Amino acid sequence: MPSITRLSPADHRRVPWKNGGGITTELAMEPSADGRPDGRFVWRVSIADVVEPGPFSAFPGYDRLIAVVEGEGMRLSVDGAPPVERRRLDPAFAFPGEAPVWCEPTAGPIRDVNLMLDRASATGVLTLLAGPAAHRANAHQAAGDVLLVHALAGTLTVTPEDGEALTVPAGHSLLLHGAAALVEAPGEAEGVCAEVWRR
């Protein structure tokens, strides 16, 4: 049965980075079904502020997607490969969570959004919208699939399949389980769609 949950900033959780280098704001996550005490999760969507160069925390067994949503941009060096530069609202960059990563903001502090996926349990994509724009998410959804829509600026409109349109104001999120939806960013609105598909 499809379900829809509204999440406000009060529902977000501030979590220290694993390496102690900062704080991330967890928008939503799904804990592992086995209830392991190590904090492992099936997926997590979070937003982090990066104010200075430094390493990323290691997340062995996870696939990560990251995109810059505020600030000029960042330069990522992943596992010794040549640096990759990502600017604000560029398509998400994917890399393995166990790889050593060095991040360097290119011109002052940035804010990035992260989708992390337990490689054994899920796959997914992270899509950024800068209005006017629209995105049809989880078009081939199944019961265990998840869609998280987060409004960065302005107000997004989310219309679930066979449902009524819902608005998502800036700073808020909409979490849909087992439902496809049309996500629209009118005018100068901006948002993020994290789609997760269970293996």
Protein backbone atom coordinates (compact mmCIF):
# COMPACT_ATOMS: atom_id res chain seq x y z
CA MET A 1 0.00 0.00 0.00
CA PRO A 2 1.54 3.36 -1.00
CA SER A 3 2.21 5.80 1.82
CA ILE A 4 3.13 9.49 1.99
CA THR A 5 4.81 11.24 4.93
CA ARG A 6 5.49 14.95 5.31
CA LEU A 7 8.79 15.89 6.96
CA SER A 8 9.49 19.35 8.37
CA PRO A 9 12.84 20.76 9.52
CA ALA A 10 11.85 19.63 13.04
CA ASP A 11 11.97 16.01 11.81
CA HIS A 12 15.52 16.31 10.51
CA ARG A 13 18.33 14.92 12.63
CA ARG A 14 21.78 16.45 13.06
CA VAL A 15 24.44 13.74 13.07
CA PRO A 16 28.23 14.07 13.59
CA TRP A 17 30.38 12.95 10.70
CA LYS A 18 31.96 9.54 11.26
CA ASN A 19 35.41 11.13 11.05
CA GLY A 20 34.48 13.94 13.45
CA GLY A 21 35.07 16.65 10.85
CA GLY A 22 31.61 18.22 10.86
CA ILE A 23 27.85 17.77 11.14
CA THR A 24 25.36 16.42 8.60
CA THR A 25 21.60 17.03 8.61
CA GLU A 26 19.84 13.75 8.01
CA LEU A 27 16.62 14.35 6.07
CA ALA A 28 15.48 10.71 6.13
CA MET A 29 16.87 7.19 6.31
CA GLU A 30 15.80 3.56 6.46
CA PRO A 31 17.58 1.43 9.08
CA SER A 32 18.65 -2.09 8.17
CA ALA A 33 15.93 -4.65 8.80
CA ASP A 34 18.21 -6.82 10.94
CA GLY A 35 18.45 -4.06 13.54
CA ARG A 36 22.23 -4.18 13.68
CA PRO A 37 23.69 -1.97 16.45
CA ASP A 38 26.40 -0.53 14.17
CA GLY A 39 23.95 2.01 12.72
CA ARG A 40 23.93 0.49 9.26
CA PHE A 41 21.10 1.64 7.02
CA VAL A 42 19.55 0.69 3.68
CA TRP A 43 19.59 4.29 2.43
CA ARG A 44 20.06 7.80 3.76
CA VAL A 45 19.54 11.29 2.36
CA SER A 46 21.43 14.09 4.09
CA ILE A 47 22.72 17.63 3.63
CA ALA A 48 26.16 18.70 4.86
CA ASP A 49 28.06 21.97 5.09
CA VAL A 50 31.70 21.89 4.01
CA VAL A 51 33.67 24.94 5.09
CA GLU A 52 37.25 23.81 4.52
CA PRO A 53 39.23 21.11 2.70
CA GLY A 54 39.23 17.67 4.28
CA PRO A 55 38.56 13.94 3.89
CA PHE A 56 35.18 12.28 3.58
CA SER A 57 34.14 9.64 6.08
CA ALA A 58 34.48 6.05 4.88
CA PHE A 59 31.27 4.06 4.31
CA PRO A 60 32.36 0.56 3.21
CA GLY A 61 29.71 -1.33 1.26
CA TYR A 62 27.78 1.79 0.26
CA ASP A 63 27.33 3.60 -3.05
CA ARG A 64 27.25 7.39 -2.71
CA LEU A 65 25.84 10.18 -4.86
CA ILE A 66 26.63 13.80 -4.05
CA ALA A 67 25.71 17.20 -5.50
CA VAL A 68 26.41 20.82 -4.56
CA VAL A 69 23.26 22.80 -3.69
CA GLU A 70 24.78 25.99 -2.23
CA GLY A 71 28.07 27.78 -2.83
CA GLU A 72 30.34 27.89 -5.86
CA GLY A 73 31.46 24.28 -6.07
CA MET A 74 33.92 21.64 -4.88
CA ARG A 75 36.80 19.55 -6.14
CA LEU A 76 36.83 15.83 -5.29
CA SER A 77 39.83 13.54 -5.41
CA VAL A 78 38.62 9.92 -5.26
CA ASP A 79 41.00 7.03 -4.63
CA GLY A 80 43.97 8.72 -6.29
CA ALA A 81 42.15 9.54 -9.54
CA PRO A 82 42.48 13.03 -11.11
CA PRO A 83 40.31 15.60 -9.26
CA VAL A 84 36.72 16.08 -10.41
CA GLU A 85 35.10 19.51 -10.10
CA ARG A 86 31.39 19.86 -9.38
CA ARG A 87 29.56 23.17 -9.45
CA ARG A 88 26.24 24.13 -7.88
CA LEU A 89 23.33 22.08 -9.26
CA ASP A 90 25.58 19.97 -11.49
CA PRO A 91 24.35 16.37 -11.91
CA ALA A 92 25.11 14.16 -8.93
CA PHE A 93 28.55 12.55 -8.78
CA ALA A 94 28.71 8.84 -7.87
CA PHE A 95 31.54 7.08 -6.04
CA PRO A 96 32.04 4.04 -3.77
CA GLY A 97 31.70 4.77 -0.06
CA GLU A 98 34.86 2.84 0.87
CA ALA A 99 37.09 4.90 -1.46
CA PRO A 100 39.35 7.53 0.15
CA VAL A 101 38.01 10.96 -0.87
CA TRP A 102 39.48 14.42 -0.39
CA CYS A 103 37.08 17.35 -0.81
CA GLU A 104 38.10 20.96 -1.41
CA PRO A 105 35.59 23.82 -1.81
CA THR A 106 36.63 25.87 -4.83
CA ALA A 107 35.55 29.32 -3.60
CA GLY A 108 34.31 29.41 -0.03
CA PRO A 109 31.94 27.15 1.95
CA ILE A 110 29.45 24.90 0.20
CA ARG A 111 26.42 22.80 1.07
CA ASP A 112 25.95 19.41 -0.55
CA VAL A 113 23.23 16.78 -0.64
CA ASN A 114 24.09 13.09 -0.31
CA LEU A 115 22.27 9.88 -1.16
CA MET A 116 23.88 6.78 0.36
CA LEU A 117 22.77 3.29 -0.61
CA ASP A 118 23.67 -0.07 0.92
CA ARG A 119 25.10 -1.73 -2.18
CA ALA A 120 23.71 -5.15 -1.23
CA SER A 121 20.16 -3.88 -0.66
CA ALA A 122 19.39 -0.95 -2.93
CA THR A 123 20.20 1.15 -5.97
CA GLY A 124 19.07 4.69 -6.72
CA VAL A 125 19.51 8.05 -8.36
CA LEU A 126 19.74 11.64 -7.15
CA THR A 127 18.14 14.27 -9.40
CA LEU A 128 18.34 18.05 -8.95
CA LEU A 129 15.60 20.35 -10.23
CA ALA A 130 16.01 24.06 -10.98
CA GLY A 131 12.73 25.63 -12.10
CA PRO A 132 10.95 25.73 -14.28
CA ALA A 133 11.43 21.96 -14.43
CA ALA A 134 9.61 18.67 -13.96
CA HIS A 135 10.71 15.12 -13.23
CA ARG A 136 8.71 11.90 -13.29
CA ALA A 137 10.08 9.82 -10.41
CA ASN A 138 9.88 6.09 -9.73
CA ALA A 139 7.87 5.54 -12.89
CA HIS A 140 8.30 1.77 -12.54
CA GLN A 141 7.81 1.71 -8.79
CA ALA A 142 7.38 -1.41 -6.67
CA ALA A 143 6.16 -1.84 -3.11
CA GLY A 144 9.58 -1.40 -1.48
CA ASP A 145 10.69 1.59 -3.53
CA VAL A 146 11.12 5.02 -1.97
CA LEU A 147 11.03 8.60 -3.21
CA LEU A 148 12.22 11.51 -1.10
CA VAL A 149 11.50 15.00 -2.45
CA HIS A 150 13.18 17.92 -0.69
CA ALA A 151 12.57 21.58 -1.51
CA LEU A 152 15.73 23.70 -1.50
CA ALA A 153 14.08 26.99 -2.51
CA GLY A 154 10.55 28.05 -3.37
CA THR A 155 7.72 25.53 -3.31
CA LEU A 156 7.67 22.22 -5.17
CA THR A 157 4.55 20.39 -6.32
CA VAL A 158 4.41 16.61 -6.05
CA THR A 159 1.57 14.74 -7.73
CA PRO A 160 1.50 11.03 -6.87
CA GLU A 161 0.17 8.69 -9.52
CA ASP A 162 -3.63 8.55 -9.14
CA GLY A 163 -3.42 11.15 -6.36
CA GLU A 164 -3.86 14.85 -5.69
CA ALA A 165 -1.10 17.44 -5.99
CA LEU A 166 0.82 18.20 -2.78
CA THR A 167 3.00 21.24 -2.10
CA VAL A 168 6.42 21.07 -0.46
CA PRO A 169 7.75 24.40 0.88
CA ALA A 170 11.45 25.25 1.15
CA GLY A 171 13.24 23.26 3.82
CA HIS A 172 10.57 20.56 3.91
CA SER A 173 10.46 17.07 2.43
CA LEU A 174 7.92 14.53 1.22
CA LEU A 175 8.64 10.81 1.64
CA LEU A 176 6.70 8.41 -0.60
CA HIS A 177 6.79 4.62 -0.30
CA GLY A 178 5.64 2.51 -3.24
CA ALA A 179 4.35 5.45 -5.27
CA ALA A 180 5.39 7.04 -8.55
CA ALA A 181 5.00 10.82 -8.79
CA LEU A 182 5.47 13.88 -10.95
CA VAL A 183 7.71 16.44 -9.24
CA GLU A 184 7.51 20.02 -10.49
CA ALA A 185 9.69 23.02 -9.65
CA PRO A 186 7.89 26.14 -10.91
CA GLY A 187 9.55 29.51 -11.52
CA GLU A 188 12.81 29.75 -9.59
CA ALA A 189 12.09 26.88 -7.20
CA GLU A 190 14.82 24.29 -6.62
CA GLY A 191 14.63 20.79 -5.24
CA VAL A 192 16.10 17.33 -4.93
CA CYS A 193 14.58 13.94 -5.78
CA ALA A 194 16.18 10.84 -4.26
CA GLU A 195 14.81 7.65 -5.79
CA VAL A 196 15.62 4.33 -4.13
CA TRP A 197 14.88 0.89 -5.58
CA ARG A 198 15.20 -2.21 -3.43
CA ARG A 199 17.15 -5.12 -4.84
